[in-house]
């Protein structure tokens, strides 16, 4: 919903639904590995934890009540054989260490280094990554370690915004480090900036548009009010950051016109 409001349209369509994990998953799956992860909790609820590299254990299981579970159902992307996808490690990936910081946290000129490295030597790729950064900041997602593209189109493609499960966690905290690509590179698409400005106006306030959009979902209300208010607060912080970039750079080279061959746009054209 949020990504569609921002007009990025890089996440497969999703809809909320109540799932019977016994009848609709456990009893019909042909995946033996998945089936082995189902168990009954001490409270008598049906649970499972799936198969993955991290956090797939009984300590991180999904449980129904007793077997009904609210879930987000996404449109299925084509299988890998039909449409191969390439997984890219984000240059601003976190270290996931309590003692070691990532390079971007230590080097304030890190963006200069990134922009010399393919595929980020193409401005369009970096701008798309910064779009994803804005999305992640608005929903508080600190877990964007990788992203994917369709291999068929090479570097002339869009980024798939998958794996958003860590979004909308702490409504009271705005994790500014998520915006590191924006404040270190100080560039953003003009179309993105104009959309953000629009969503900061009274008639199209982001929280109001989001609330109205979510009302159509079968699991409405999906977000409670503090999360919606956080969207407006975080949006203002993004706009302030962009305007500071424009002030520091005298308005040059910050807003890139993605509709007109990515020409520079000056502050007079806000």
Protein backbone atom coordinates (compact mmCIF):
# COMPACT_ATOMS: atom_id res chain seq x y z
CA UNK A 1 0.00 0.00 0.00
CA UNK A 2 2.71 2.48 0.98
CA UNK A 3 4.86 1.67 -2.04
CA UNK A 4 1.91 2.18 -4.38
CA UNK A 5 1.13 5.54 -2.78
CA UNK A 6 4.75 6.56 -3.38
CA UNK A 7 4.23 5.46 -7.01
CA UNK A 8 7.26 3.14 -7.00
CA UNK A 9 5.27 -0.01 -7.88
CA UNK A 10 8.18 -2.39 -7.32
CA UNK A 11 6.49 -4.76 -4.84
CA UNK A 12 4.22 -7.54 -6.12
CA UNK A 13 0.55 -6.79 -5.29
CA UNK A 14 -0.41 -7.93 -1.79
CA UNK A 15 -3.60 -8.41 0.16
CA UNK A 16 -4.30 -9.33 3.76
CA UNK A 17 -6.07 -12.62 4.45
CA UNK A 18 -6.94 -14.94 7.31
CA UNK A 19 -5.20 -18.27 6.64
CA UNK A 20 -6.05 -21.66 8.11
CA UNK A 21 -2.50 -23.01 8.38
CA UNK A 22 -3.77 -26.54 8.99
CA UNK A 23 -6.09 -26.90 6.00
CA UNK A 24 -4.40 -24.49 3.61
CA UNK A 25 -0.74 -25.24 4.29
CA UNK A 26 0.03 -28.29 6.44
CA UNK A 27 -2.54 -30.68 4.98
CA UNK A 28 -1.83 -29.88 1.33
CA UNK A 29 1.89 -29.14 1.14
CA UNK A 30 4.11 -31.49 -0.87
CA UNK A 31 7.26 -30.01 0.68
CA UNK A 32 8.48 -32.58 3.19
CA UNK A 33 11.01 -30.19 4.71
CA UNK A 34 8.29 -27.62 5.39
CA UNK A 35 5.95 -30.27 6.77
CA UNK A 36 8.54 -31.34 9.35
CA UNK A 37 8.58 -27.83 10.84
CA UNK A 38 4.94 -27.98 11.98
CA UNK A 39 4.25 -28.62 15.67
CA UNK A 40 1.64 -28.03 18.36
CA UNK A 41 2.56 -25.41 20.96
CA UNK A 42 2.04 -25.91 24.71
CA UNK A 43 -1.02 -23.64 24.36
CA UNK A 44 -2.51 -26.03 21.79
CA UNK A 45 -1.90 -23.81 18.76
CA UNK A 46 -0.67 -25.07 15.38
CA UNK A 47 2.76 -23.60 14.60
CA UNK A 48 5.46 -23.85 11.94
CA UNK A 49 8.78 -22.14 11.26
CA UNK A 50 9.62 -23.02 7.66
CA UNK A 51 13.02 -23.58 6.08
CA UNK A 52 15.58 -20.78 5.76
CA UNK A 53 19.14 -19.79 6.71
CA UNK A 54 18.27 -17.55 9.64
CA UNK A 55 15.63 -17.51 12.38
CA UNK A 56 13.84 -20.66 11.19
CA UNK A 57 13.45 -22.40 14.54
CA UNK A 58 10.84 -23.11 17.19
CA UNK A 59 11.89 -19.89 18.94
CA UNK A 60 10.76 -17.89 15.89
CA UNK A 61 7.73 -19.90 14.83
CA UNK A 62 4.46 -18.61 13.40
CA UNK A 63 1.43 -19.81 15.35
CA UNK A 64 -2.28 -19.74 14.67
CA UNK A 65 -5.16 -19.27 17.11
CA UNK A 66 -5.51 -22.24 17.18
CA UNK A 67 -4.79 -22.57 13.47
CA UNK A 68 -5.98 -19.23 12.03
CA UNK A 69 -3.28 -16.72 11.21
CA UNK A 70 -3.43 -13.25 9.70
CA UNK A 71 -1.09 -12.97 6.75
CA UNK A 72 -0.07 -10.86 3.78
CA UNK A 73 -0.58 -12.73 0.52
CA UNK A 74 1.64 -11.57 -2.36
CA UNK A 75 1.27 -12.22 -6.08
CA UNK A 76 3.60 -15.06 -7.06
CA UNK A 77 6.55 -14.05 -9.23
CA UNK A 78 7.55 -16.34 -12.12
CA UNK A 79 9.78 -19.27 -11.17
CA UNK A 80 13.52 -18.88 -11.52
CA UNK A 81 13.70 -21.03 -14.64
CA UNK A 82 11.18 -18.80 -16.39
CA UNK A 83 12.44 -15.42 -15.17
CA UNK A 84 15.83 -15.59 -13.46
CA UNK A 85 16.50 -13.02 -10.76
CA UNK A 86 19.83 -11.67 -9.61
CA UNK A 87 20.40 -10.94 -5.92
CA UNK A 88 22.50 -7.84 -5.19
CA UNK A 89 24.11 -7.10 -1.87
CA UNK A 90 23.24 -3.57 -0.81
CA UNK A 91 26.29 -1.27 -0.54
CA UNK A 92 24.68 0.08 2.64
CA UNK A 93 24.12 -3.33 4.19
CA UNK A 94 24.45 -3.42 7.97
CA UNK A 95 27.27 -5.34 9.63
CA UNK A 96 24.82 -7.27 11.86
CA UNK A 97 27.56 -7.19 14.49
CA UNK A 98 27.53 -5.66 17.96
CA UNK A 99 31.24 -4.86 17.78
CA UNK A 100 31.96 -4.11 14.12
CA UNK A 101 30.57 -1.24 12.07
CA UNK A 102 29.97 -1.33 8.33
CA UNK A 103 32.23 0.77 6.10
CA UNK A 104 29.47 3.25 5.28
CA UNK A 105 29.12 4.02 9.00
CA UNK A 106 32.80 4.99 9.24
CA UNK A 107 33.48 6.68 5.89
CA UNK A 108 31.49 9.86 5.23
CA UNK A 109 32.75 9.85 1.62
CA UNK A 110 31.54 6.32 1.09
CA UNK A 111 29.13 7.33 -1.67
CA UNK A 112 32.01 8.54 -3.86
CA UNK A 113 33.47 5.05 -3.65
CA UNK A 114 30.12 3.44 -4.45
CA UNK A 115 29.58 5.65 -7.50
CA UNK A 116 32.83 4.40 -9.01
CA UNK A 117 31.66 0.79 -8.73
CA UNK A 118 29.35 -0.87 -11.29
CA UNK A 119 26.38 -0.91 -11.48
CA UNK A 120 26.21 2.24 -9.33
CA UNK A 121 28.35 4.13 -11.82
CA UNK A 122 25.04 4.37 -13.63
CA UNK A 123 23.12 7.10 -11.86
CA UNK A 124 19.78 5.44 -12.55
CA UNK A 125 20.70 2.41 -10.40
CA UNK A 126 21.72 4.61 -7.48
CA UNK A 127 18.55 6.68 -7.78
CA UNK A 128 16.44 3.52 -7.69
CA UNK A 129 18.30 2.38 -4.58
CA UNK A 130 17.63 5.74 -2.92
CA UNK A 131 13.91 5.36 -3.74
CA UNK A 132 14.05 2.05 -1.88
CA UNK A 133 15.85 3.80 0.99
CA UNK A 134 13.02 6.33 1.33
CA UNK A 135 10.48 3.50 1.40
CA UNK A 136 12.46 1.66 4.08
CA UNK A 137 12.83 4.76 6.24
CA UNK A 138 9.13 5.58 6.13
CA UNK A 139 8.23 2.10 7.37
CA UNK A 140 11.25 1.70 9.65
CA UNK A 141 12.80 -1.27 7.83
CA UNK A 142 16.47 -1.63 8.84
CA UNK A 143 16.88 -5.05 7.23
CA UNK A 144 17.53 -4.22 3.56
CA UNK A 145 20.66 -6.31 3.13
CA UNK A 146 19.91 -7.44 -0.46
CA UNK A 147 17.63 -6.58 -3.34
CA UNK A 148 16.82 -8.35 -6.60
CA UNK A 149 16.51 -7.61 -10.32
CA UNK A 150 15.39 -9.65 -13.31
CA UNK A 151 18.51 -10.94 -15.12
CA UNK A 152 16.94 -10.69 -18.58
CA UNK A 153 17.16 -6.89 -18.56
CA UNK A 154 20.72 -6.65 -17.28
CA UNK A 155 21.42 -3.32 -15.59
CA UNK A 156 18.60 -1.62 -17.52
CA UNK A 157 15.97 -2.73 -15.08
CA UNK A 158 14.10 -1.80 -11.91
CA UNK A 159 14.75 -3.06 -8.39
CA UNK A 160 12.34 -5.53 -6.83
CA UNK A 161 11.37 -4.37 -3.34
CA UNK A 162 10.99 -7.79 -1.73
CA UNK A 163 11.36 -8.94 1.90
CA UNK A 164 9.70 -6.10 3.79
CA UNK A 165 8.81 -8.13 6.86
CA UNK A 166 10.76 -5.92 9.29
CA UNK A 167 8.72 -2.84 8.42
CA UNK A 168 6.38 -1.01 10.82
CA UNK A 169 8.00 -2.25 14.00
CA UNK A 170 8.75 0.66 16.36
CA UNK A 171 6.49 3.60 15.58
CA UNK A 172 8.16 5.83 18.19
CA UNK A 173 11.68 5.56 16.76
CA UNK A 174 12.94 7.05 13.49
CA UNK A 175 16.13 5.23 12.47
CA UNK A 176 17.99 7.96 10.57
CA UNK A 177 20.82 5.63 9.53
CA UNK A 178 18.43 4.02 7.03
CA UNK A 179 18.71 7.24 5.03
CA UNK A 180 22.52 7.02 4.77
CA UNK A 181 22.42 6.58 0.95
CA UNK A 182 20.39 9.79 0.67
CA UNK A 183 22.44 12.03 2.93
CA UNK A 184 25.79 10.64 1.78
CA UNK A 185 25.02 10.86 -1.95
CA UNK A 186 22.65 13.84 -1.81
CA UNK A 187 20.73 12.92 -4.95
CA UNK A 188 17.11 11.89 -5.46
CA UNK A 189 14.72 11.62 -8.39
CA UNK A 190 12.78 14.78 -9.05
CA UNK A 191 9.59 12.72 -9.45
CA UNK A 192 10.13 11.13 -6.02
CA UNK A 193 10.76 14.48 -4.37
CA UNK A 194 7.65 16.01 -5.92
CA UNK A 195 5.54 13.05 -4.79
CA UNK A 196 6.90 13.40 -1.24
CA UNK A 197 6.11 17.12 -1.27
CA UNK A 198 2.56 16.37 -2.39
CA UNK A 199 2.09 13.81 0.40
CA UNK A 200 3.14 16.45 2.91
CA UNK A 201 0.28 18.79 1.94
CA UNK A 202 -3.03 18.96 3.78
CA UNK A 203 -5.27 17.50 1.04
CA UNK A 204 -2.96 14.52 0.43
CA UNK A 205 -1.36 13.92 3.83
CA UNK A 206 0.45 10.59 3.75
CA UNK A 207 -1.19 9.22 6.89
CA UNK A 208 -4.67 10.04 5.54
CA UNK A 209 -4.01 8.49 2.13
CA UNK A 210 -2.53 5.40 3.77
CA UNK A 211 -5.45 5.06 6.17
CA UNK A 212 -7.94 5.28 3.30
CA UNK A 213 -6.00 2.77 1.22
CA UNK A 214 -5.71 0.24 4.04
CA UNK A 215 -9.44 0.49 4.78
CA UNK A 216 -10.10 -1.61 1.68
CA UNK A 217 -7.99 -4.51 2.94
CA UNK A 218 -9.80 -7.56 4.35
CA UNK A 219 -7.78 -7.36 7.57
CA UNK A 220 -8.43 -3.66 8.14
CA UNK A 221 -7.27 -1.95 10.27
CA UNK A 222 -3.77 -3.12 9.33
CA UNK A 223 -1.85 -0.32 11.08
CA UNK A 224 -2.85 1.51 14.21
CA UNK A 225 -2.72 5.29 14.52
CA UNK A 226 0.80 5.74 15.97
CA UNK A 227 2.24 4.03 12.88
CA UNK A 228 0.24 6.31 10.58
CA UNK A 229 1.37 9.42 12.47
CA UNK A 230 4.96 8.18 12.23
CA UNK A 231 4.67 8.26 8.43
CA UNK A 232 3.98 12.00 8.47
CA UNK A 233 6.82 12.64 10.92
CA UNK A 234 9.32 10.63 8.92
CA UNK A 235 8.22 12.17 5.64
CA UNK A 236 9.08 15.61 6.99
CA UNK A 237 12.54 14.38 7.95
CA UNK A 238 13.17 13.12 4.41
CA UNK A 239 12.12 16.47 2.95
CA UNK A 240 14.33 18.37 5.39
CA UNK A 241 17.28 16.15 4.49
CA UNK A 242 16.82 16.77 0.75
CA UNK A 243 16.49 20.51 1.29
CA UNK A 244 19.67 20.54 3.38
CA UNK A 245 21.45 18.78 0.53
CA UNK A 246 20.18 21.45 -1.84
CA UNK A 247 21.31 24.19 0.51
CA UNK A 248 24.79 22.72 0.92
CA UNK A 249 25.16 22.21 -2.83
CA UNK A 250 23.54 25.52 -3.76
CA UNK A 251 20.65 23.62 -5.29
CA UNK A 252 22.71 21.95 -8.01
CA UNK A 253 22.84 18.25 -8.79
CA UNK A 254 20.50 17.10 -6.04
CA UNK A 255 17.18 16.66 -7.85
CA UNK A 256 17.70 14.61 -10.99
CA UNK A 257 14.97 14.72 -13.61
CA UNK A 258 14.26 11.06 -14.29
CA UNK A 259 11.63 12.06 -16.85
CA UNK A 260 14.03 14.10 -18.97
CA UNK A 261 17.22 12.10 -19.29
CA UNK A 262 18.21 12.68 -15.66
CA UNK A 263 19.22 16.30 -16.11
CA UNK A 264 20.08 18.31 -13.05
CA UNK A 265 17.28 20.38 -11.58
CA UNK A 266 18.00 23.51 -9.57
CA UNK A 267 16.27 24.59 -6.39
CA UNK A 268 14.33 27.24 -8.30
CA UNK A 269 12.42 24.37 -9.96
CA UNK A 270 11.10 22.86 -6.67
